[in-house]
Amino acid sequence: MSDSVNVLLVDDDDVFLSLLKRTLEREGWRVFCALNSEQVFEKTKEHSFDYAILDLNLDGQSGLNLMQSLLAEQPKCEVLILTGYASVATAVEAMRLGAKDYLCKPATAQQIINIFSGEKVETKEPETEEFQPMSVKRLEWEHIQKVLLENDGNISLTAEALNMHRRTLQRKLQKRPVEK
């Protein structure tokens, strides 16, 4: 890719941002970083972006809401959602709202580049093709994510819908989901 490509990285982890920024700059991309939504809107006033890589969870706020605002301002920007808190519900919602793709952390810079260049992204294939049902913890995580989306990310409404104390829900959301 040429150096005329502008990419916006949005993540609340500044160490992750600086590492990914350096890697993408070596590929010839012009990279701009933001730690929160305020910084995103400052950057979009100054620059037009070809690509944006957004964290799904930005200090407790949904990156999906930010993605919608970004796409409203810059509809030609292709957005990749990158998250350590993946769920089927959020992946489907991200794609429905206009994301180009959705990747789970840790993702390599090459996987990210491949998504934007239209190449196939290499993922780990299961060693066996036998069906393995999700664990109860994973099912709970998926259900919480679905209800959270139905309530537009509102923790209080989600806790009420799940018949759960708000702090209990917040603790569950801070934990990374189990694989299966």
Protein backbone atom coordinates (compact mmCIF):
# COMPACT_ATOMS: atom_id res chain seq x y z
CA MET A 1 0.00 0.00 0.00
CA SER A 2 1.22 3.49 -0.73
CA ASP A 3 2.03 6.27 1.67
CA SER A 4 -1.09 8.12 0.53
CA VAL A 5 -3.17 5.86 2.79
CA ASN A 6 -4.38 7.53 5.98
CA VAL A 7 -5.38 5.26 8.84
CA LEU A 8 -6.88 6.17 12.21
CA LEU A 9 -6.08 3.91 15.18
CA VAL A 10 -8.41 4.21 18.16
CA ASP A 11 -7.67 2.29 21.35
CA ASP A 12 -7.46 3.24 25.02
CA ASP A 13 -4.24 1.22 25.38
CA ASP A 14 -1.46 3.64 24.41
CA VAL A 15 1.22 0.90 24.38
CA PHE A 16 -0.80 -1.14 21.89
CA LEU A 17 -1.39 2.00 19.81
CA SER A 18 2.29 2.88 19.59
CA LEU A 19 3.30 -0.67 18.63
CA LEU A 20 0.67 -0.97 15.91
CA LYS A 21 1.42 2.57 14.70
CA ARG A 22 5.12 1.78 14.21
CA THR A 23 4.33 -1.45 12.41
CA LEU A 24 1.84 0.15 10.02
CA GLU A 25 4.16 3.10 9.36
CA ARG A 26 6.83 0.62 8.24
CA GLU A 27 4.28 -0.54 5.66
CA GLY A 28 4.08 3.01 4.31
CA TRP A 29 0.82 4.09 5.95
CA ARG A 30 0.26 7.51 7.51
CA VAL A 31 -1.05 6.67 10.96
CA PHE A 32 -2.96 8.91 13.34
CA CYS A 33 -3.80 7.76 16.87
CA ALA A 34 -6.63 8.57 19.26
CA LEU A 35 -7.24 7.33 22.79
CA ASN A 36 -10.90 8.39 23.00
CA SER A 37 -13.84 9.76 21.01
CA GLU A 38 -12.90 13.41 21.61
CA GLN A 39 -9.51 12.84 20.00
CA VAL A 40 -11.20 11.02 17.10
CA PHE A 41 -13.36 14.03 16.29
CA GLU A 42 -10.35 16.35 16.50
CA LYS A 43 -8.52 14.13 14.00
CA THR A 44 -11.50 13.88 11.62
CA LYS A 45 -11.73 17.67 11.44
CA GLU A 46 -8.11 17.80 10.25
CA HIS A 47 -7.82 14.67 8.08
CA SER A 48 -9.75 12.36 5.81
CA PHE A 49 -9.21 8.66 6.56
CA ASP A 50 -9.16 5.70 4.21
CA TYR A 51 -9.20 3.22 7.09
CA ALA A 52 -9.98 3.20 10.79
CA ILE A 53 -9.16 0.53 13.35
CA LEU A 54 -11.40 0.88 16.39
CA ASP A 55 -11.31 -0.91 19.71
CA LEU A 56 -14.74 -2.24 20.64
CA ASN A 57 -14.43 -1.23 24.30
CA LEU A 58 -13.10 2.31 24.85
CA ASP A 59 -13.01 3.01 28.59
CA GLY A 60 -16.39 1.36 29.02
CA GLN A 61 -17.94 3.00 25.95
CA SER A 62 -18.89 1.14 22.81
CA GLY A 63 -16.68 1.52 19.79
CA LEU A 64 -19.76 0.72 17.69
CA ASN A 65 -21.31 4.09 18.59
CA LEU A 66 -18.06 5.81 17.66
CA MET A 67 -17.96 3.86 14.39
CA GLN A 68 -21.42 5.11 13.44
CA SER A 69 -20.41 8.73 14.10
CA LEU A 70 -17.15 8.30 12.19
CA LEU A 71 -18.92 6.75 9.19
CA ALA A 72 -21.50 9.54 9.22
CA GLU A 73 -18.66 12.09 8.90
CA GLN A 74 -16.45 10.03 6.58
CA PRO A 75 -18.61 7.48 4.72
CA LYS A 76 -15.75 6.27 2.49
CA CYS A 77 -13.66 5.22 5.49
CA GLU A 78 -13.41 1.45 5.92
CA VAL A 79 -13.62 0.43 9.58
CA LEU A 80 -12.13 -2.62 11.27
CA ILE A 81 -13.34 -3.43 14.78
CA LEU A 82 -10.58 -4.94 16.91
CA THR A 83 -11.43 -6.37 20.32
CA GLY A 84 -10.27 -8.53 23.16
CA TYR A 85 -13.91 -9.00 24.21
CA ALA A 86 -15.35 -10.73 21.17
CA SER A 87 -18.86 -12.11 20.95
CA VAL A 88 -21.08 -13.27 18.13
CA ALA A 89 -23.63 -10.55 18.93
CA THR A 90 -21.12 -7.70 18.71
CA ALA A 91 -19.55 -9.11 15.54
CA VAL A 92 -22.94 -9.29 13.82
CA GLU A 93 -23.89 -5.81 15.03
CA ALA A 94 -20.56 -4.34 13.88
CA MET A 95 -21.00 -5.74 10.40
CA ARG A 96 -24.63 -4.61 10.27
CA LEU A 97 -23.59 -1.07 11.19
CA GLY A 98 -20.98 -0.89 8.44
CA ALA A 99 -17.72 -2.39 9.69
CA LYS A 100 -15.56 -3.91 6.98
CA ASP A 101 -14.48 -6.67 9.38
CA TYR A 102 -14.15 -7.69 13.02
CA LEU A 103 -10.99 -9.20 14.50
CA CYS A 104 -10.18 -10.59 17.92
CA LYS A 105 -7.03 -9.48 19.73
CA PRO A 106 -4.29 -10.42 19.47
CA ALA A 107 -4.28 -9.71 15.76
CA THR A 108 -1.14 -9.24 13.73
CA ALA A 109 -0.43 -6.19 11.63
CA GLN A 110 -0.36 -8.49 8.60
CA GLN A 111 -3.90 -9.68 9.34
CA ILE A 112 -5.04 -6.06 9.53
CA ILE A 113 -3.28 -5.16 6.27
CA ASN A 114 -4.78 -8.22 4.58
CA ILE A 115 -8.30 -7.19 5.57
CA PHE A 116 -7.95 -3.75 4.03
CA SER A 117 -6.24 -5.10 0.90
CA GLY A 118 -8.98 -7.70 0.42
CA GLU A 119 -6.75 -10.72 1.01
CA LYS A 120 -7.82 -13.73 3.02
CA VAL A 121 -7.03 -13.48 6.72
CA GLU A 122 -5.31 -16.53 8.13
CA THR A 123 -7.01 -17.78 11.27
CA LYS A 124 -6.35 -20.75 13.47
CA GLU A 125 -8.30 -23.77 12.33
CA PRO A 126 -9.52 -26.17 14.97
CA GLU A 127 -7.44 -29.33 15.12
CA THR A 128 -10.52 -31.52 15.08
CA GLU A 129 -13.74 -30.98 13.23
CA GLU A 130 -15.86 -32.44 16.00
CA PHE A 131 -18.63 -30.26 17.33
CA GLN A 132 -17.80 -28.85 20.73
CA PRO A 133 -20.59 -27.00 22.50
CA MET A 134 -19.87 -23.68 24.20
CA SER A 135 -19.16 -23.70 27.89
CA VAL A 136 -21.71 -22.23 30.28
CA LYS A 137 -19.40 -19.25 30.88
CA ARG A 138 -19.14 -18.58 27.15
CA LEU A 139 -22.92 -18.89 26.73
CA GLU A 140 -23.39 -16.42 29.57
CA TRP A 141 -20.93 -14.00 27.93
CA GLU A 142 -22.73 -14.24 24.58
CA HIS A 143 -26.13 -13.69 26.22
CA ILE A 144 -24.88 -10.65 28.17
CA GLN A 145 -23.47 -9.16 24.94
CA LYS A 146 -26.78 -9.72 23.13
CA VAL A 147 -28.81 -8.05 25.89
CA LEU A 148 -26.26 -5.22 26.13
CA LEU A 149 -26.69 -4.54 22.40
CA GLU A 150 -30.48 -4.63 22.73
CA ASN A 151 -30.15 -1.91 25.37
CA ASP A 152 -27.75 0.23 23.29
CA GLY A 153 -24.86 -0.38 25.68
CA ASN A 154 -26.76 0.91 28.72
CA ILE A 155 -25.38 -1.01 31.73
CA SER A 156 -28.26 -0.17 34.07
CA LEU A 157 -30.96 -1.30 31.64
CA THR A 158 -28.98 -4.43 30.77
CA ALA A 159 -28.52 -5.34 34.44
CA GLU A 160 -32.23 -4.85 35.02
CA ALA A 161 -33.13 -6.99 31.99
CA LEU A 162 -30.78 -9.74 33.22
CA ASN A 163 -32.12 -9.46 36.78
CA MET A 164 -28.57 -8.78 37.93
CA HIS A 165 -26.97 -6.13 40.13
CA ARG A 166 -25.28 -3.40 38.10
CA ARG A 167 -21.86 -3.93 39.74
CA THR A 168 -22.04 -7.68 39.12
CA LEU A 169 -22.66 -7.01 35.45
CA GLN A 170 -19.78 -4.54 35.31
CA ARG A 171 -17.42 -7.12 36.85
CA LYS A 172 -18.51 -9.73 34.32
CA LEU A 173 -17.97 -7.29 31.45
CA GLN A 174 -14.44 -6.47 32.61
CA LYS A 175 -13.37 -10.11 32.36
CA ARG A 176 -12.20 -11.45 29.04
CA PRO A 177 -14.51 -14.09 27.62
CA VAL A 178 -13.46 -17.71 27.68
CA GLU A 179 -12.65 -19.28 24.32
CA LYS A 180 -15.44 -21.86 24.24
